[in-house]
Amino acid sequence: MTENEAESSASGEPHVQSAGFRHHISPPTPLNIRGDLTQRWRDRKQLWDGYYLVTGLAKELDAYRLAVLVNSLGQKALETYNALRFADPADKARYECVIEALENHFMGIATRSTNVTCSVREIKRSQSRLTNITWR
């Protein structure tokens, strides 16, 4: 029996553990926006992807994942996040869409004033349409 299962069974209440502290690691340091921003974003994104995996953030709701991401960005990158405009305003609440928009911005593909279209959402929508096709 794991420690969490023992705590859960002893108290009768399920043990809830925060994703950010599951493995006692801190989020990556804030993004340094001085120098080669493209390379700094690549490095930060690599650290973030590892943190995301180890902490199990993929299992969390978009709102939780975005809160952790935004709080770890740092002030200057937060300003960029806040200025992002999406073609569909609901995409700003979708983790995959925000990551894609930040990636596009910091890699020089788009600017903050560009209306971002979330290709992740479009791909999922297309996949959904394909699975709903009935062949006669």
Protein backbone atom coordinates (compact mmCIF):
# COMPACT_ATOMS: atom_id res chain seq x y z
CA MET A 1 0.00 0.00 0.00
CA THR A 2 1.38 3.41 -0.94
CA GLU A 3 1.64 6.27 1.52
CA ASN A 4 -1.19 8.10 -0.28
CA GLU A 5 -3.44 5.04 -0.12
CA ALA A 6 -2.67 4.67 3.60
CA GLU A 7 -3.57 8.32 4.22
CA SER A 8 -6.74 7.92 2.19
CA SER A 9 -7.89 4.78 3.96
CA ALA A 10 -6.95 6.05 7.44
CA SER A 11 -8.96 9.24 7.17
CA GLY A 12 -11.73 7.94 4.94
CA GLU A 13 -11.12 10.93 2.64
CA PRO A 14 -9.24 10.61 -0.64
CA HIS A 15 -5.76 12.10 -0.60
CA VAL A 16 -5.50 15.03 -3.02
CA GLN A 17 -2.05 16.11 -4.03
CA SER A 18 -1.19 19.26 -5.97
CA ALA A 19 0.35 18.56 -9.38
CA GLY A 20 3.01 21.22 -8.81
CA PHE A 21 4.44 19.44 -5.78
CA ARG A 22 3.94 15.80 -6.72
CA HIS A 23 7.65 15.29 -7.36
CA HIS A 24 8.95 18.24 -5.38
CA ILE A 25 10.27 20.14 -8.37
CA SER A 26 9.75 23.79 -9.10
CA PRO A 27 8.47 25.16 -12.39
CA PRO A 28 11.13 26.44 -14.77
CA THR A 29 12.50 29.89 -14.02
CA PRO A 30 10.81 32.82 -15.76
CA LEU A 31 11.55 33.33 -19.42
CA ASN A 32 14.47 35.72 -19.92
CA ILE A 33 13.47 37.91 -22.85
CA ARG A 34 16.93 39.43 -23.37
CA GLY A 35 19.24 38.18 -26.09
CA ASP A 36 18.24 35.47 -28.56
CA LEU A 37 14.57 35.13 -27.72
CA THR A 38 14.03 32.23 -30.09
CA GLN A 39 16.73 30.15 -28.41
CA ARG A 40 15.65 31.20 -24.92
CA TRP A 41 12.07 30.13 -25.73
CA ARG A 42 13.28 26.76 -27.08
CA ASP A 43 15.28 26.16 -23.88
CA ARG A 44 12.41 27.29 -21.62
CA LYS A 45 9.90 25.21 -23.57
CA GLN A 46 12.11 22.13 -23.22
CA LEU A 47 12.28 22.67 -19.45
CA TRP A 48 8.51 23.32 -19.33
CA ASP A 49 7.74 20.13 -21.28
CA GLY A 50 9.75 18.11 -18.76
CA TYR A 51 8.04 19.82 -15.83
CA TYR A 52 4.64 19.26 -17.47
CA LEU A 53 5.35 15.55 -17.85
CA VAL A 54 6.86 14.91 -14.42
CA THR A 55 4.12 16.76 -12.53
CA GLY A 56 1.25 15.14 -14.43
CA LEU A 57 -0.20 18.46 -15.57
CA ALA A 58 -1.70 16.76 -18.63
CA LYS A 59 -4.30 15.20 -16.31
CA GLU A 60 -5.40 18.59 -14.99
CA LEU A 61 -8.06 20.94 -16.36
CA ASP A 62 -7.02 23.59 -18.88
CA ALA A 63 -7.64 26.36 -16.32
CA TYR A 64 -5.23 24.74 -13.85
CA ARG A 65 -2.57 24.08 -16.49
CA LEU A 66 -2.82 27.66 -17.75
CA ALA A 67 -2.59 29.07 -14.22
CA VAL A 68 0.63 27.13 -13.57
CA LEU A 69 2.06 28.12 -16.96
CA VAL A 70 1.17 31.80 -16.64
CA ASN A 71 2.51 32.02 -13.10
CA SER A 72 5.81 30.53 -14.22
CA LEU A 73 6.36 32.79 -17.25
CA GLY A 74 7.67 35.87 -15.50
CA GLN A 75 6.49 39.47 -15.78
CA LYS A 76 7.66 40.32 -19.33
CA ALA A 77 6.42 37.06 -20.85
CA LEU A 78 3.18 37.51 -18.91
CA GLU A 79 2.71 40.84 -20.68
CA THR A 80 3.08 39.00 -24.00
CA TYR A 81 0.54 36.39 -22.89
CA ASN A 82 -1.93 39.08 -21.83
CA ALA A 83 -1.60 40.83 -25.19
CA LEU A 84 -2.23 37.70 -27.29
CA ARG A 85 -5.33 37.98 -29.43
CA PHE A 86 -7.14 34.90 -30.67
CA ALA A 87 -9.47 34.63 -33.65
CA ASP A 88 -11.78 32.71 -31.31
CA PRO A 89 -11.59 34.35 -27.84
CA ALA A 90 -12.43 31.01 -26.19
CA ASP A 91 -9.04 29.70 -27.37
CA LYS A 92 -7.31 31.83 -24.71
CA ALA A 93 -8.77 29.39 -22.16
CA ARG A 94 -7.43 26.32 -24.03
CA TYR A 95 -3.99 25.20 -22.89
CA GLU A 96 -2.89 23.77 -26.27
CA CYS A 97 -3.95 26.95 -28.07
CA VAL A 98 -2.07 29.21 -25.65
CA ILE A 99 1.10 27.12 -25.93
CA GLU A 100 0.83 27.25 -29.73
CA ALA A 101 0.32 31.03 -29.68
CA LEU A 102 3.28 31.59 -27.35
CA GLU A 103 5.41 29.30 -29.50
CA ASN A 104 4.45 31.21 -32.64
CA HIS A 105 5.17 34.54 -30.97
CA PHE A 106 8.52 33.69 -29.44
CA MET A 107 9.69 31.82 -32.54
CA GLY A 108 8.92 34.91 -34.62
CA ILE A 109 6.06 33.35 -36.57
CA ALA A 110 3.43 35.77 -35.27
CA THR A 111 3.29 38.99 -33.30
CA ARG A 112 1.14 39.82 -30.32
CA SER A 113 -1.18 41.87 -32.52
CA THR A 114 -1.82 38.94 -34.87
CA ASN A 115 -5.15 37.20 -34.40
CA VAL A 116 -4.09 33.66 -33.60
CA THR A 117 -6.03 30.75 -35.03
CA CYS A 118 -5.59 27.65 -32.93
CA SER A 119 -4.56 24.83 -35.25
CA VAL A 120 -4.77 22.30 -32.40
CA ARG A 121 -8.48 23.00 -32.09
CA GLU A 122 -8.89 22.82 -35.88
CA ILE A 123 -7.07 19.47 -36.02
CA LYS A 124 -9.25 18.04 -33.22
CA ARG A 125 -12.37 19.33 -34.98
CA SER A 126 -11.25 17.68 -38.24
CA GLN A 127 -10.51 14.41 -36.44
CA SER A 128 -13.95 14.53 -34.85
CA ARG A 129 -15.56 14.99 -38.25
CA LEU A 130 -13.61 12.03 -39.62
CA THR A 131 -14.69 9.74 -36.80
CA ASN A 132 -18.33 10.69 -37.37
CA ILE A 133 -18.29 9.71 -41.05
CA THR A 134 -20.47 6.76 -41.88
CA TRP A 135 -19.64 4.76 -44.96
CA ARG A 136 -22.41 3.31 -47.05
